[in-house]
Amino acid sequence: MRAGRLCSAGASRSEAEAGQGLVEYALIVALVALVVSAVLLALGPAIGDAFRSVQDRMRETGAGEATPVATSEPSVTVTPGPPEVVIDPSCSCFDCKGSSTGKRSERTAEEEHICFTNRDVYPADMTGWTVADAVNHRYTFPRFHLQAGASVRLYSDRGADTETELYWGAEGNIWNDKGDTAYLRDAAGDLVDEYSYGRMVSPVATLEPDPTPPSVSPVLP
């Protein structure tokens, strides 16, 4: 009987201790919840401001928004055509007056010149180009580029070439006083321009042999 009472007392004590432990655990949880709530109440506005600041920066920088992909337009390559270089009579002097007497018959190769103007929007590479008169006095351009809109004078005399002046190096005059024709050809030999003045001189004709044999009359005794 006494043993039964002891067992009942022990069981009651164990239940009391278990109940006390649950109460203590509940109190601890409640205390932690109170502390967290107090911290959130204290720091809540600061945390909200921080989140709003981050959102504002994302809007300013466009972060999080889909960036449109730029579509590149196909590039168009413009290929310039043949240079538009012309024989320019406005700055040429085919039969200019001599500086000493003013007579046309006494003009000198130092003053005589032909002028070329580039009317294109691109520089013209005139290296290897040629200019000739009606009887085929021929000048070949050295390594030379004529800029867009620029002109160059080719003097019949000798001298030092520059960007605006070239020299034929002839011993005398090239262009005929009474009339002549100038032919400008590119490096491939294609005609670029021609200009005639006065009474045009025809090119020297080349005589071809007559394919028909001459008739022979019989000799009478």
C-alpha atoms as a PDB file:
ATOM      1  CA  MET A   1       0.000   0.000   0.000  1.00  0.00           C
ATOM      2  CA  ARG A   2       2.785   2.354   0.904  1.00  0.00           C
ATOM      3  CA  ALA A   3       4.593   1.471  -2.298  1.00  0.00           C
ATOM      4  CA  GLY A   4       1.518   2.401  -4.352  1.00  0.00           C
ATOM      5  CA  ARG A   5       1.377   5.741  -2.662  1.00  0.00           C
ATOM      6  CA  LEU A   6       5.027   6.374  -3.403  1.00  0.00           C
ATOM      7  CA  CYS A   7       4.487   5.565  -7.075  1.00  0.00           C
ATOM      8  CA  SER A   8       1.515   7.922  -7.258  1.00  0.00           C
ATOM      9  CA  ALA A   9       3.496  10.700  -5.610  1.00  0.00           C
ATOM     10  CA  GLY A  10       6.403  10.214  -8.031  1.00  0.00           C
ATOM     11  CA  ALA A  11       4.114  10.333 -11.024  1.00  0.00           C
ATOM     12  CA  SER A  12       2.482  13.508  -9.799  1.00  0.00           C
ATOM     13  CA  ARG A  13       5.876  15.152  -9.259  1.00  0.00           C
ATOM     14  CA  SER A  14       6.991  14.204 -12.819  1.00  0.00           C
ATOM     15  CA  GLU A  15       3.855  15.660 -14.322  1.00  0.00           C
ATOM     16  CA  ALA A  16       4.319  18.857 -12.325  1.00  0.00           C
ATOM     17  CA  GLU A  17       7.909  19.223 -13.521  1.00  0.00           C
ATOM     18  CA  ALA A  18       6.857  18.618 -17.139  1.00  0.00           C
ATOM     19  CA  GLY A  19       4.158  21.217 -16.867  1.00  0.00           C
ATOM     20  CA  GLN A  20       6.578  23.691 -15.353  1.00  0.00           C
ATOM     21  CA  GLY A  21       9.018  23.092 -18.257  1.00  0.00           C
ATOM     22  CA  LEU A  22       6.297  23.791 -20.825  1.00  0.00           C
ATOM     23  CA  VAL A  23       5.360  26.971 -19.052  1.00  0.00           C
ATOM     24  CA  GLU A  24       8.982  28.121 -18.997  1.00  0.00           C
ATOM     25  CA  TYR A  25       9.367  27.328 -22.754  1.00  0.00           C
ATOM     26  CA  ALA A  26       6.203  29.260 -23.542  1.00  0.00           C
ATOM     27  CA  LEU A  27       7.466  32.188 -21.528  1.00  0.00           C
ATOM     28  CA  ILE A  28      10.796  32.141 -23.407  1.00  0.00           C
ATOM     29  CA  VAL A  29       9.023  32.050 -26.807  1.00  0.00           C
ATOM     30  CA  ALA A  30       6.781  34.884 -25.770  1.00  0.00           C
ATOM     31  CA  LEU A  31       9.762  36.897 -24.576  1.00  0.00           C
ATOM     32  CA  VAL A  32      11.598  36.343 -27.881  1.00  0.00           C
ATOM     33  CA  ALA A  33       8.492  37.350 -29.799  1.00  0.00           C
ATOM     34  CA  LEU A  34       8.229  40.520 -27.740  1.00  0.00           C
ATOM     35  CA  VAL A  35      11.896  41.370 -28.373  1.00  0.00           C
ATOM     36  CA  VAL A  36      11.540  40.773 -32.134  1.00  0.00           C
ATOM     37  CA  SER A  37       8.401  42.861 -32.249  1.00  0.00           C
ATOM     38  CA  ALA A  38      10.128  45.673 -30.392  1.00  0.00           C
ATOM     39  CA  VAL A  39      13.109  45.544 -32.782  1.00  0.00           C
ATOM     40  CA  LEU A  40      10.812  45.574 -35.838  1.00  0.00           C
ATOM     41  CA  LEU A  41       8.851  48.475 -34.422  1.00  0.00           C
ATOM     42  CA  ALA A  42      12.057  50.380 -33.766  1.00  0.00           C
ATOM     43  CA  LEU A  43      13.804  49.603 -37.071  1.00  0.00           C
ATOM     44  CA  GLY A  44      10.753  49.264 -39.276  1.00  0.00           C
ATOM     45  CA  PRO A  45      10.828  52.780 -40.774  1.00  0.00           C
ATOM     46  CA  ALA A  46      14.581  52.557 -41.469  1.00  0.00           C
ATOM     47  CA  ILE A  47      14.186  49.182 -43.197  1.00  0.00           C
ATOM     48  CA  GLY A  48      11.259  50.521 -45.267  1.00  0.00           C
ATOM     49  CA  ASP A  49      13.316  53.541 -46.320  1.00  0.00           C
ATOM     50  CA  ALA A  50      16.178  51.278 -47.346  1.00  0.00           C
ATOM     51  CA  PHE A  51      13.881  49.119 -49.513  1.00  0.00           C
ATOM     52  CA  ARG A  52      12.337  52.208 -51.134  1.00  0.00           C
ATOM     53  CA  SER A  53      15.798  53.641 -51.872  1.00  0.00           C
ATOM     54  CA  VAL A  54      16.829  50.413 -53.596  1.00  0.00           C
ATOM     55  CA  GLN A  55      13.628  50.408 -55.656  1.00  0.00           C
ATOM     56  CA  ASP A  56      14.179  54.034 -56.704  1.00  0.00           C
ATOM     57  CA  ARG A  57      17.733  53.288 -57.833  1.00  0.00           C
ATOM     58  CA  MET A  58      16.528  50.305 -59.834  1.00  0.00           C
ATOM     59  CA  ARG A  59      13.956  52.487 -61.592  1.00  0.00           C
ATOM     60  CA  GLU A  60      16.567  55.165 -62.384  1.00  0.00           C
ATOM     61  CA  THR A  61      19.068  52.706 -63.843  1.00  0.00           C
ATOM     62  CA  GLY A  62      16.386  50.681 -65.582  1.00  0.00           C
ATOM     63  CA  ALA A  63      17.407  47.546 -63.747  1.00  0.00           C
ATOM     64  CA  GLY A  64      14.890  44.778 -63.940  1.00  0.00           C
ATOM     65  CA  GLU A  65      13.338  46.178 -67.117  1.00  0.00           C
ATOM     66  CA  ALA A  66      13.730  44.505 -70.472  1.00  0.00           C
ATOM     67  CA  THR A  67      16.262  46.398 -72.588  1.00  0.00           C
ATOM     68  CA  PRO A  68      15.188  46.601 -76.227  1.00  0.00           C
ATOM     69  CA  VAL A  69      17.693  45.035 -78.599  1.00  0.00           C
ATOM     70  CA  ALA A  70      18.788  47.488 -81.268  1.00  0.00           C
ATOM     71  CA  THR A  71      18.488  46.111 -84.768  1.00  0.00           C
ATOM     72  CA  SER A  72      21.398  47.195 -86.945  1.00  0.00           C
ATOM     73  CA  GLU A  73      20.506  48.415 -90.406  1.00  0.00           C
ATOM     74  CA  PRO A  74      22.423  46.874 -93.283  1.00  0.00           C
ATOM     75  CA  SER A  75      25.382  49.058 -94.207  1.00  0.00           C
ATOM     76  CA  VAL A  76      25.437  50.456 -97.716  1.00  0.00           C
ATOM     77  CA  THR A  77      28.853  50.653 -99.337  1.00  0.00           C
ATOM     78  CA  VAL A  78      29.152  53.521-101.806  1.00  0.00           C
ATOM     79  CA  THR A  79      31.644  52.741-104.547  1.00  0.00           C
ATOM     80  CA  PRO A  80      32.787  55.873-106.383  1.00  0.00           C
ATOM     81  CA  GLY A  81      32.635  55.761-110.163  1.00  0.00           C
ATOM     82  CA  PRO A  82      35.335  56.943-112.563  1.00  0.00           C
ATOM     83  CA  PRO A  83      36.861  60.276-111.466  1.00  0.00           C
ATOM     84  CA  GLU A  84      35.268  63.306-113.108  1.00  0.00           C
ATOM     85  CA  VAL A  85      38.456  65.049-114.187  1.00  0.00           C
ATOM     86  CA  VAL A  86      38.108  67.461-117.113  1.00  0.00           C
ATOM     87  CA  ILE A  87      40.364  69.586-119.272  1.00  0.00           C
ATOM     88  CA  ASP A  88      39.524  73.069-117.986  1.00  0.00           C
ATOM     89  CA  PRO A  89      39.967  75.813-120.621  1.00  0.00           C
ATOM     90  CA  SER A  90      39.180  78.536-118.057  1.00  0.00           C
ATOM     91  CA  CYS A  91      42.564  78.034-116.406  1.00  0.00           C
ATOM     92  CA  SER A  92      44.504  76.789-119.462  1.00  0.00           C
ATOM     93  CA  CYS A  93      46.800  78.853-121.668  1.00  0.00           C
ATOM     94  CA  PHE A  94      47.358  77.164-125.028  1.00  0.00           C
ATOM     95  CA  ASP A  95      48.412  80.309-126.936  1.00  0.00           C
ATOM     96  CA  CYS A  96      49.100  82.780-124.133  1.00  0.00           C
ATOM     97  CA  LYS A  97      51.044  85.992-124.747  1.00  0.00           C
ATOM     98  CA  GLY A  98      54.742  86.214-124.077  1.00  0.00           C
ATOM     99  CA  SER A  99      55.760  88.182-121.019  1.00  0.00           C
ATOM    100  CA  SER A 100      58.380  90.309-122.791  1.00  0.00           C
ATOM    101  CA  THR A 101      56.676  91.708-125.911  1.00  0.00           C
ATOM    102  CA  GLY A 102      53.048  90.705-125.469  1.00  0.00           C
ATOM    103  CA  LYS A 103      52.936  89.054-128.911  1.00  0.00           C
ATOM    104  CA  ARG A 104      51.301  85.678-129.229  1.00  0.00           C
ATOM    105  CA  SER A 105      53.961  84.544-131.664  1.00  0.00           C
ATOM    106  CA  GLU A 106      56.587  85.010-128.980  1.00  0.00           C
ATOM    107  CA  ARG A 107      54.921  82.957-126.255  1.00  0.00           C
ATOM    108  CA  THR A 108      57.197  80.640-124.318  1.00  0.00           C
ATOM    109  CA  ALA A 109      56.930  77.102-122.982  1.00  0.00           C
ATOM    110  CA  GLU A 110      57.346  78.618-119.526  1.00  0.00           C
ATOM    111  CA  GLU A 111      53.907  80.255-119.819  1.00  0.00           C
ATOM    112  CA  GLU A 112      52.096  77.701-121.978  1.00  0.00           C
ATOM    113  CA  HIS A 113      50.060  75.253-119.930  1.00  0.00           C
ATOM    114  CA  ILE A 114      46.978  73.040-119.902  1.00  0.00           C
ATOM    115  CA  CYS A 115      44.774  72.856-116.813  1.00  0.00           C
ATOM    116  CA  PHE A 116      42.810  69.951-115.312  1.00  0.00           C
ATOM    117  CA  THR A 117      40.020  70.235-112.714  1.00  0.00           C
ATOM    118  CA  ASN A 118      38.565  67.468-110.538  1.00  0.00           C
ATOM    119  CA  ARG A 119      34.800  68.035-110.415  1.00  0.00           C
ATOM    120  CA  ASP A 120      34.212  64.917-108.351  1.00  0.00           C
ATOM    121  CA  VAL A 121      33.659  64.673-104.585  1.00  0.00           C
ATOM    122  CA  TYR A 122      36.486  62.143-104.292  1.00  0.00           C
ATOM    123  CA  PRO A 123      40.227  62.603-104.891  1.00  0.00           C
ATOM    124  CA  ALA A 124      41.374  61.345-108.295  1.00  0.00           C
ATOM    125  CA  ASP A 125      44.433  59.128-108.581  1.00  0.00           C
ATOM    126  CA  MET A 126      45.971  60.330-111.857  1.00  0.00           C
ATOM    127  CA  THR A 127      49.098  58.203-111.586  1.00  0.00           C
ATOM    128  CA  GLY A 128      49.931  56.823-115.029  1.00  0.00           C
ATOM    129  CA  TRP A 129      47.375  58.999-116.842  1.00  0.00           C
ATOM    130  CA  THR A 130      48.437  60.611-120.120  1.00  0.00           C
ATOM    131  CA  VAL A 131      47.690  63.795-122.022  1.00  0.00           C
ATOM    132  CA  ALA A 132      48.533  64.208-125.695  1.00  0.00           C
ATOM    133  CA  ASP A 133      47.977  66.690-128.508  1.00  0.00           C
ATOM    134  CA  ALA A 134      46.708  65.987-132.002  1.00  0.00           C
ATOM    135  CA  VAL A 135      50.132  64.875-133.252  1.00  0.00           C
ATOM    136  CA  ASN A 136      50.682  62.646-130.195  1.00  0.00           C
ATOM    137  CA  HIS A 137      53.110  64.685-128.137  1.00  0.00           C
ATOM    138  CA  ARG A 138      52.520  62.687-124.960  1.00  0.00           C
ATOM    139  CA  TYR A 139      52.968  63.391-121.235  1.00  0.00           C
ATOM    140  CA  THR A 140      52.575  60.697-118.550  1.00  0.00           C
ATOM    141  CA  PHE A 141      51.522  61.778-115.078  1.00  0.00           C
ATOM    142  CA  PRO A 142      53.841  60.775-112.205  1.00  0.00           C
ATOM    143  CA  ARG A 143      52.461  59.547-108.881  1.00  0.00           C
ATOM    144  CA  PHE A 144      49.824  62.222-108.367  1.00  0.00           C
ATOM    145  CA  HIS A 145      46.432  62.685-106.647  1.00  0.00           C
ATOM    146  CA  LEU A 146      44.167  65.579-107.598  1.00  0.00           C
ATOM    147  CA  GLN A 147      41.964  66.512-104.651  1.00  0.00           C
ATOM    148  CA  ALA A 148      38.208  67.010-105.024  1.00  0.00           C
ATOM    149  CA  GLY A 149      37.405  70.434-106.484  1.00  0.00           C
ATOM    150  CA  ALA A 150      41.095  71.211-107.078  1.00  0.00           C
ATOM    151  CA  SER A 151      42.921  72.113-110.308  1.00  0.00           C
ATOM    152  CA  VAL A 152      46.433  71.453-111.548  1.00  0.00           C
ATOM    153  CA  ARG A 153      48.317  73.191-114.371  1.00  0.00           C
ATOM    154  CA  LEU A 154      50.653  71.235-116.621  1.00  0.00           C
ATOM    155  CA  TYR A 155      53.328  73.588-117.989  1.00  0.00           C
ATOM    156  CA  SER A 156      55.198  72.730-121.171  1.00  0.00           C
ATOM    157  CA  ASP A 157      58.459  73.932-119.646  1.00  0.00           C
ATOM    158  CA  ARG A 158      60.727  72.225-117.116  1.00  0.00           C
ATOM    159  CA  GLY A 159      60.344  72.716-113.375  1.00  0.00           C
ATOM    160  CA  ALA A 160      59.710  71.124-109.998  1.00  0.00           C
ATOM    161  CA  ASP A 161      56.312  69.446-109.618  1.00  0.00           C
ATOM    162  CA  THR A 162      53.987  70.584-106.848  1.00  0.00           C
ATOM    163  CA  GLU A 163      50.354  69.863-105.882  1.00  0.00           C
ATOM    164  CA  THR A 164      49.125  72.631-108.205  1.00  0.00           C
ATOM    165  CA  GLU A 165      51.803  72.697-110.933  1.00  0.00           C
ATOM    166  CA  LEU A 166      53.301  69.934-113.057  1.00  0.00           C
ATOM    167  CA  TYR A 167      55.956  70.262-115.763  1.00  0.00           C
ATOM    168  CA  TRP A 168      56.101  68.490-119.128  1.00  0.00           C
ATOM    169  CA  GLY A 169      59.857  69.030-119.547  1.00  0.00           C
ATOM    170  CA  ALA A 170      59.600  69.846-123.251  1.00  0.00           C
ATOM    171  CA  GLU A 171      62.268  71.785-125.121  1.00  0.00           C
ATOM    172  CA  GLY A 172      59.668  74.068-126.738  1.00  0.00           C
ATOM    173  CA  ASN A 173      55.936  74.697-127.114  1.00  0.00           C
ATOM    174  CA  ILE A 174      53.531  71.762-127.295  1.00  0.00           C
ATOM    175  CA  TRP A 175      50.202  73.312-128.242  1.00  0.00           C
ATOM    176  CA  ASN A 176      49.617  74.715-131.716  1.00  0.00           C
ATOM    177  CA  ASP A 177      48.766  78.426-131.987  1.00  0.00           C
ATOM    178  CA  LYS A 178      46.141  78.074-134.733  1.00  0.00           C
ATOM    179  CA  GLY A 179      44.328  75.167-133.110  1.00  0.00           C
ATOM    180  CA  ASP A 180      44.860  71.819-131.466  1.00  0.00           C
ATOM    181  CA  THR A 181      43.125  68.991-129.595  1.00  0.00           C
ATOM    182  CA  ALA A 182      44.037  67.720-126.139  1.00  0.00           C
ATOM    183  CA  TYR A 183      43.264  64.122-125.171  1.00  0.00           C
ATOM    184  CA  LEU A 184      43.223  63.033-121.530  1.00  0.00           C
ATOM    185  CA  ARG A 185      43.348  59.267-120.885  1.00  0.00           C
ATOM    186  CA  ASP A 186      43.478  57.240-117.681  1.00  0.00           C
ATOM    187  CA  ALA A 187      46.108  54.649-116.783  1.00  0.00           C
ATOM    188  CA  ALA A 188      44.170  51.968-118.696  1.00  0.00           C
ATOM    189  CA  GLY A 189      44.234  54.078-121.867  1.00  0.00           C
ATOM    190  CA  ASP A 190      40.513  54.939-121.777  1.00  0.00           C
ATOM    191  CA  LEU A 191      39.563  58.434-122.923  1.00  0.00           C
ATOM    192  CA  VAL A 192      38.522  60.604-119.957  1.00  0.00           C
ATOM    193  CA  ASP A 193      38.104  63.956-121.718  1.00  0.00           C
ATOM    194  CA  GLU A 194      39.131  65.861-124.827  1.00  0.00           C
ATOM    195  CA  TYR A 195      39.155  69.533-125.748  1.00  0.00           C
ATOM    196  CA  SER A 196      39.662  71.274-129.073  1.00  0.00           C
ATOM    197  CA  TYR A 197      40.308  74.938-129.744  1.00  0.00           C
ATOM    198  CA  GLY A 198      40.876  77.037-132.836  1.00  0.00           C
ATOM    199  CA  ARG A 199      41.252  75.161-136.088  1.00  0.00           C
ATOM    200  CA  MET A 200      41.609  71.571-134.932  1.00  0.00           C
ATOM    201  CA  VAL A 201      44.702  69.781-136.201  1.00  0.00           C
ATOM    202  CA  SER A 202      43.982  66.313-137.505  1.00  0.00           C
ATOM    203  CA  PRO A 203      46.188  63.512-136.187  1.00  0.00           C
ATOM    204  CA  VAL A 204      48.987  62.430-138.459  1.00  0.00           C
ATOM    205  CA  ALA A 205      47.611  59.734-140.762  1.00  0.00           C
ATOM    206  CA  THR A 206      49.495  56.470-141.170  1.00  0.00           C
ATOM    207  CA  LEU A 207      49.773  55.442-144.826  1.00  0.00           C
ATOM    208  CA  GLU A 208      48.726  51.846-145.433  1.00  0.00           C
ATOM    209  CA  PRO A 209      50.195  49.926-148.408  1.00  0.00           C
ATOM    210  CA  ASP A 210      47.818  49.448-151.358  1.00  0.00           C
ATOM    211  CA  PRO A 211      46.992  45.736-151.544  1.00  0.00           C
ATOM    212  CA  THR A 212      46.180  45.997-155.300  1.00  0.00           C
ATOM    213  CA  PRO A 213      49.325  45.509-157.408  1.00  0.00           C
ATOM    214  CA  PRO A 214      49.894  48.183-160.078  1.00  0.00           C
ATOM    215  CA  SER A 215      48.902  47.282-163.638  1.00  0.00           C
ATOM    216  CA  VAL A 216      51.789  46.851-166.101  1.00  0.00           C
ATOM    217  CA  SER A 217      51.294  47.816-169.741  1.00  0.00           C
ATOM    218  CA  PRO A 218      52.960  45.561-172.292  1.00  0.00           C
ATOM    219  CA  VAL A 219      55.990  47.033-174.047  1.00  0.00           C
ATOM    220  CA  LEU A 220      55.449  47.225-177.828  1.00  0.00           C
ATOM    221  CA  PRO A 221      58.432  46.568-180.110  1.00  0.00           C
END
